[in-house]
Amino acid sequence: MPRYKYQCSDCGHVVLVFHGINDKFSTKRCIMCEGPHGLQKILTRPVIVNNSPGEEEQEVGELTKEYIESNRDILDQQKKEAKKETYEPS
């Protein structure tokens, strides 16, 4: 989801907001001063992700497997602790 910056016309406070390109930002009052002039969208630079030439690109599946393997012991311990507890029906 794109991120946009809004700046208060009264106090200059900047707010970072995530919303869709077709969605309208509904909150127009500043959270700091609640000034009468509200927030105005300001221009921002786009975020460009650039891999360094020295970095190896990994497939998403390989990266996921790597994270699972590195956290397998923690997951096993959490499963054992969850099996020991008794739960009351709500």
N, C-alpha and C. Protein backbone atom coordinates (compact mmCIF):
# COMPACT_ATOMS: atom_id res chain seq x y z
N MET A 1 0.83 -1.16 0.00
CA MET A 1 0.00 0.00 0.00
C MET A 1 0.89 1.24 0.00
N PRO A 2 0.56 2.22 -0.81
CA PRO A 2 1.39 3.43 -0.87
C PRO A 2 1.34 4.22 0.44
N ARG A 3 2.41 4.93 0.69
CA ARG A 3 2.44 5.78 1.88
C ARG A 3 2.51 7.23 1.45
N TYR A 4 1.84 8.06 2.20
CA TYR A 4 1.76 9.48 1.87
C TYR A 4 2.10 10.29 3.12
N LYS A 5 2.66 11.47 2.90
CA LYS A 5 2.95 12.38 4.00
C LYS A 5 1.97 13.54 3.94
N TYR A 6 1.45 13.87 5.11
CA TYR A 6 0.57 15.01 5.26
C TYR A 6 1.20 15.95 6.27
N GLN A 7 1.08 17.26 6.02
CA GLN A 7 1.66 18.25 6.92
C GLN A 7 0.56 19.19 7.39
N CYS A 8 0.60 19.52 8.68
CA CYS A 8 -0.38 20.43 9.25
C CYS A 8 -0.08 21.85 8.77
N SER A 9 -1.11 22.52 8.31
CA SER A 9 -0.96 23.89 7.83
C SER A 9 -0.71 24.87 8.97
N ASP A 10 -1.10 24.48 10.20
CA ASP A 10 -0.97 25.38 11.34
C ASP A 10 0.35 25.21 12.09
N CYS A 11 0.67 23.95 12.48
CA CYS A 11 1.87 23.75 13.32
C CYS A 11 3.04 23.13 12.56
N GLY A 12 2.81 22.60 11.37
CA GLY A 12 3.90 22.01 10.58
C GLY A 12 4.18 20.55 10.89
N HIS A 13 3.40 19.93 11.79
CA HIS A 13 3.59 18.52 12.14
C HIS A 13 3.36 17.65 10.90
N VAL A 14 4.25 16.65 10.68
CA VAL A 14 4.15 15.76 9.52
C VAL A 14 3.66 14.38 9.98
N VAL A 15 2.69 13.84 9.24
CA VAL A 15 2.10 12.54 9.55
C VAL A 15 2.32 11.63 8.35
N LEU A 16 2.75 10.39 8.59
CA LEU A 16 2.92 9.39 7.54
C LEU A 16 1.69 8.48 7.57
N VAL A 17 1.01 8.37 6.41
CA VAL A 17 -0.24 7.63 6.34
C VAL A 17 -0.16 6.62 5.20
N PHE A 18 -0.64 5.39 5.45
CA PHE A 18 -0.71 4.35 4.43
C PHE A 18 -2.17 4.22 3.98
N HIS A 19 -2.43 4.38 2.70
CA HIS A 19 -3.76 4.14 2.16
C HIS A 19 -3.65 3.91 0.65
N GLY A 20 -4.68 3.33 0.09
CA GLY A 20 -4.70 3.03 -1.33
C GLY A 20 -4.69 4.29 -2.18
N ILE A 21 -4.32 4.16 -3.43
CA ILE A 21 -4.20 5.31 -4.31
C ILE A 21 -5.56 5.97 -4.56
N ASN A 22 -6.62 5.18 -4.57
CA ASN A 22 -7.96 5.73 -4.80
C ASN A 22 -8.69 6.09 -3.51
N ASP A 23 -8.14 5.69 -2.36
CA ASP A 23 -8.76 6.02 -1.08
C ASP A 23 -8.46 7.46 -0.72
N LYS A 24 -9.38 8.07 -0.01
CA LYS A 24 -9.15 9.44 0.45
C LYS A 24 -8.83 9.39 1.94
N PHE A 25 -7.90 10.21 2.33
CA PHE A 25 -7.50 10.30 3.74
C PHE A 25 -8.61 11.04 4.46
N SER A 26 -9.30 10.37 5.37
CA SER A 26 -10.50 10.94 5.98
C SER A 26 -10.19 11.90 7.14
N THR A 27 -9.10 11.68 7.87
CA THR A 27 -8.80 12.54 9.01
C THR A 27 -8.10 13.79 8.50
N LYS A 28 -8.74 14.91 8.63
CA LYS A 28 -8.17 16.16 8.13
C LYS A 28 -7.65 17.05 9.25
N ARG A 29 -7.83 16.65 10.51
CA ARG A 29 -7.36 17.47 11.63
C ARG A 29 -6.03 16.94 12.14
N CYS A 30 -5.17 17.85 12.52
CA CYS A 30 -3.86 17.49 13.06
C CYS A 30 -4.03 16.88 14.45
N ILE A 31 -3.29 15.81 14.74
CA ILE A 31 -3.38 15.18 16.05
C ILE A 31 -2.63 15.97 17.12
N MET A 32 -1.75 16.87 16.69
CA MET A 32 -0.97 17.65 17.65
C MET A 32 -1.71 18.92 18.09
N CYS A 33 -2.18 19.71 17.13
CA CYS A 33 -2.76 21.01 17.48
C CYS A 33 -4.25 21.11 17.18
N GLU A 34 -4.79 20.19 16.40
CA GLU A 34 -6.19 20.20 15.97
C GLU A 34 -6.58 21.56 15.39
N GLY A 35 -5.65 22.11 14.61
CA GLY A 35 -5.85 23.43 14.01
C GLY A 35 -6.99 23.47 13.01
N PRO A 36 -7.49 24.65 12.73
CA PRO A 36 -8.65 24.79 11.84
C PRO A 36 -8.34 24.57 10.36
N HIS A 37 -7.07 24.70 9.94
CA HIS A 37 -6.75 24.59 8.52
C HIS A 37 -6.49 23.15 8.07
N GLY A 38 -6.23 22.24 8.98
CA GLY A 38 -6.10 20.83 8.66
C GLY A 38 -4.79 20.43 8.00
N LEU A 39 -4.81 19.21 7.47
CA LEU A 39 -3.62 18.61 6.88
C LEU A 39 -3.63 18.74 5.36
N GLN A 40 -2.45 18.94 4.79
CA GLN A 40 -2.28 19.01 3.35
C GLN A 40 -1.30 17.92 2.92
N LYS A 41 -1.59 17.24 1.81
CA LYS A 41 -0.67 16.22 1.30
C LYS A 41 0.58 16.92 0.76
N ILE A 42 1.76 16.37 1.11
CA ILE A 42 3.00 16.95 0.61
C ILE A 42 3.69 15.94 -0.31
N LEU A 43 4.54 16.44 -1.18
CA LEU A 43 5.25 15.58 -2.12
C LEU A 43 6.31 14.75 -1.40
N THR A 44 6.45 13.51 -1.82
CA THR A 44 7.46 12.62 -1.25
C THR A 44 8.17 11.90 -2.38
N ARG A 45 9.40 11.47 -2.09
CA ARG A 45 10.14 10.68 -3.07
C ARG A 45 9.68 9.23 -3.00
N PRO A 46 9.60 8.54 -4.11
CA PRO A 46 9.25 7.13 -4.07
C PRO A 46 10.39 6.30 -3.48
N VAL A 47 10.02 5.20 -2.86
CA VAL A 47 11.01 4.29 -2.30
C VAL A 47 11.43 3.31 -3.38
N ILE A 48 12.72 3.26 -3.67
CA ILE A 48 13.24 2.36 -4.69
C ILE A 48 14.17 1.37 -4.01
N VAL A 49 13.84 0.10 -4.13
CA VAL A 49 14.67 -0.94 -3.54
C VAL A 49 15.70 -1.36 -4.58
N ASN A 50 16.98 -1.24 -4.22
CA ASN A 50 18.05 -1.56 -5.15
C ASN A 50 19.00 -2.53 -4.47
N ASN A 51 19.10 -3.73 -5.00
CA ASN A 51 20.03 -4.71 -4.44
C ASN A 51 21.46 -4.34 -4.82
N SER A 52 22.34 -4.45 -3.85
CA SER A 52 23.75 -4.20 -4.13
C SER A 52 24.28 -5.30 -5.03
N PRO A 53 25.29 -5.00 -5.85
CA PRO A 53 25.81 -6.04 -6.76
C PRO A 53 26.41 -7.23 -6.03
N GLY A 54 26.86 -7.06 -4.79
CA GLY A 54 27.48 -8.15 -4.05
C GLY A 54 26.49 -9.10 -3.41
N GLU A 55 25.22 -8.70 -3.30
CA GLU A 55 24.23 -9.53 -2.64
C GLU A 55 23.69 -10.59 -3.59
N GLU A 56 23.50 -11.80 -3.04
CA GLU A 56 22.88 -12.87 -3.82
C GLU A 56 21.37 -12.75 -3.70
N GLU A 57 20.70 -12.96 -4.80
CA GLU A 57 19.24 -12.96 -4.75
C GLU A 57 18.79 -14.37 -4.40
N GLN A 58 17.85 -14.44 -3.44
CA GLN A 58 17.31 -15.73 -3.04
C GLN A 58 15.87 -15.83 -3.49
N GLU A 59 15.48 -17.02 -3.82
CA GLU A 59 14.08 -17.28 -4.13
C GLU A 59 13.28 -17.14 -2.84
N VAL A 60 12.02 -16.74 -2.98
CA VAL A 60 11.17 -16.56 -1.80
C VAL A 60 11.03 -17.87 -1.03
N GLY A 61 10.86 -18.96 -1.71
CA GLY A 61 10.74 -20.25 -1.04
C GLY A 61 11.99 -20.62 -0.26
N GLU A 62 13.16 -20.34 -0.81
CA GLU A 62 14.41 -20.63 -0.12
C GLU A 62 14.55 -19.78 1.14
N LEU A 63 14.18 -18.52 1.04
CA LEU A 63 14.26 -17.62 2.19
C LEU A 63 13.30 -18.06 3.28
N THR A 64 12.09 -18.48 2.90
CA THR A 64 11.11 -18.97 3.86
C THR A 64 11.62 -20.22 4.56
N LYS A 65 12.18 -21.16 3.82
CA LYS A 65 12.74 -22.37 4.42
C LYS A 65 13.86 -22.04 5.39
N GLU A 66 14.68 -21.07 5.03
CA GLU A 66 15.79 -20.66 5.90
C GLU A 66 15.27 -20.12 7.23
N TYR A 67 14.24 -19.29 7.18
CA TYR A 67 13.65 -18.74 8.41
C TYR A 67 13.00 -19.83 9.26
N ILE A 68 12.32 -20.77 8.61
CA ILE A 68 11.68 -21.86 9.35
C ILE A 68 12.73 -22.70 10.05
N GLU A 69 13.79 -23.05 9.35
CA GLU A 69 14.86 -23.86 9.95
C GLU A 69 15.52 -23.14 11.12
N SER A 70 15.73 -21.84 10.98
CA SER A 70 16.39 -21.09 12.05
C SER A 70 15.48 -20.94 13.28
N ASN A 71 14.18 -21.07 13.10
CA ASN A 71 13.25 -20.91 14.23
C ASN A 71 12.58 -22.21 14.65
N ARG A 72 13.02 -23.35 14.09
CA ARG A 72 12.38 -24.63 14.39
C ARG A 72 12.43 -24.97 15.88
N ASP A 73 13.56 -24.75 16.55
CA ASP A 73 13.67 -25.07 17.98
C ASP A 73 12.69 -24.24 18.81
N ILE A 74 12.56 -22.97 18.47
CA ILE A 74 11.63 -22.11 19.20
C ILE A 74 10.19 -22.58 18.99
N LEU A 75 9.85 -22.95 17.77
CA LEU A 75 8.50 -23.44 17.49
C LEU A 75 8.21 -24.74 18.23
N ASP A 76 9.18 -25.65 18.26
CA ASP A 76 8.99 -26.91 18.97
C ASP A 76 8.76 -26.67 20.46
N GLN A 77 9.52 -25.77 21.05
CA GLN A 77 9.37 -25.47 22.47
C GLN A 77 8.00 -24.84 22.75
N GLN A 78 7.54 -23.96 21.88
CA GLN A 78 6.23 -23.35 22.06
C GLN A 78 5.11 -24.38 21.94
N LYS A 79 5.27 -25.36 21.04
CA LYS A 79 4.28 -26.43 20.91
C LYS A 79 4.20 -27.25 22.18
N LYS A 80 5.37 -27.60 22.76
CA LYS A 80 5.40 -28.38 23.99
C LYS A 80 4.73 -27.64 25.13
N GLU A 81 4.99 -26.34 25.26
CA GLU A 81 4.38 -25.54 26.31
C GLU A 81 2.87 -25.43 26.11
N ALA A 82 2.41 -25.32 24.88
CA ALA A 82 0.99 -25.21 24.60
C ALA A 82 0.26 -26.51 24.93
N LYS A 83 0.93 -27.66 24.71
CA LYS A 83 0.31 -28.95 25.02
C LYS A 83 0.17 -29.17 26.52
N LYS A 84 1.06 -28.58 27.32
CA LYS A 84 1.01 -28.74 28.77
C LYS A 84 -0.16 -27.99 29.40
N GLU A 85 -0.55 -26.87 28.79
CA GLU A 85 -1.61 -26.04 29.36
C GLU A 85 -2.97 -26.65 29.06
N THR A 86 -3.89 -26.42 29.99
CA THR A 86 -5.29 -26.85 29.79
C THR A 86 -6.12 -25.60 29.52
N TYR A 87 -7.04 -25.75 28.62
CA TYR A 87 -7.86 -24.61 28.22
C TYR A 87 -9.31 -24.88 28.58
N GLU A 88 -9.95 -23.88 29.12
CA GLU A 88 -11.37 -23.96 29.46
C GLU A 88 -12.19 -23.50 28.26
N PRO A 89 -13.27 -24.22 27.96
CA PRO A 89 -14.13 -23.74 26.86
C PRO A 89 -14.80 -22.43 27.26
N SER A 90 -14.99 -21.58 26.30
CA SER A 90 -15.61 -20.29 26.60
C SER A 90 -17.09 -20.29 26.31
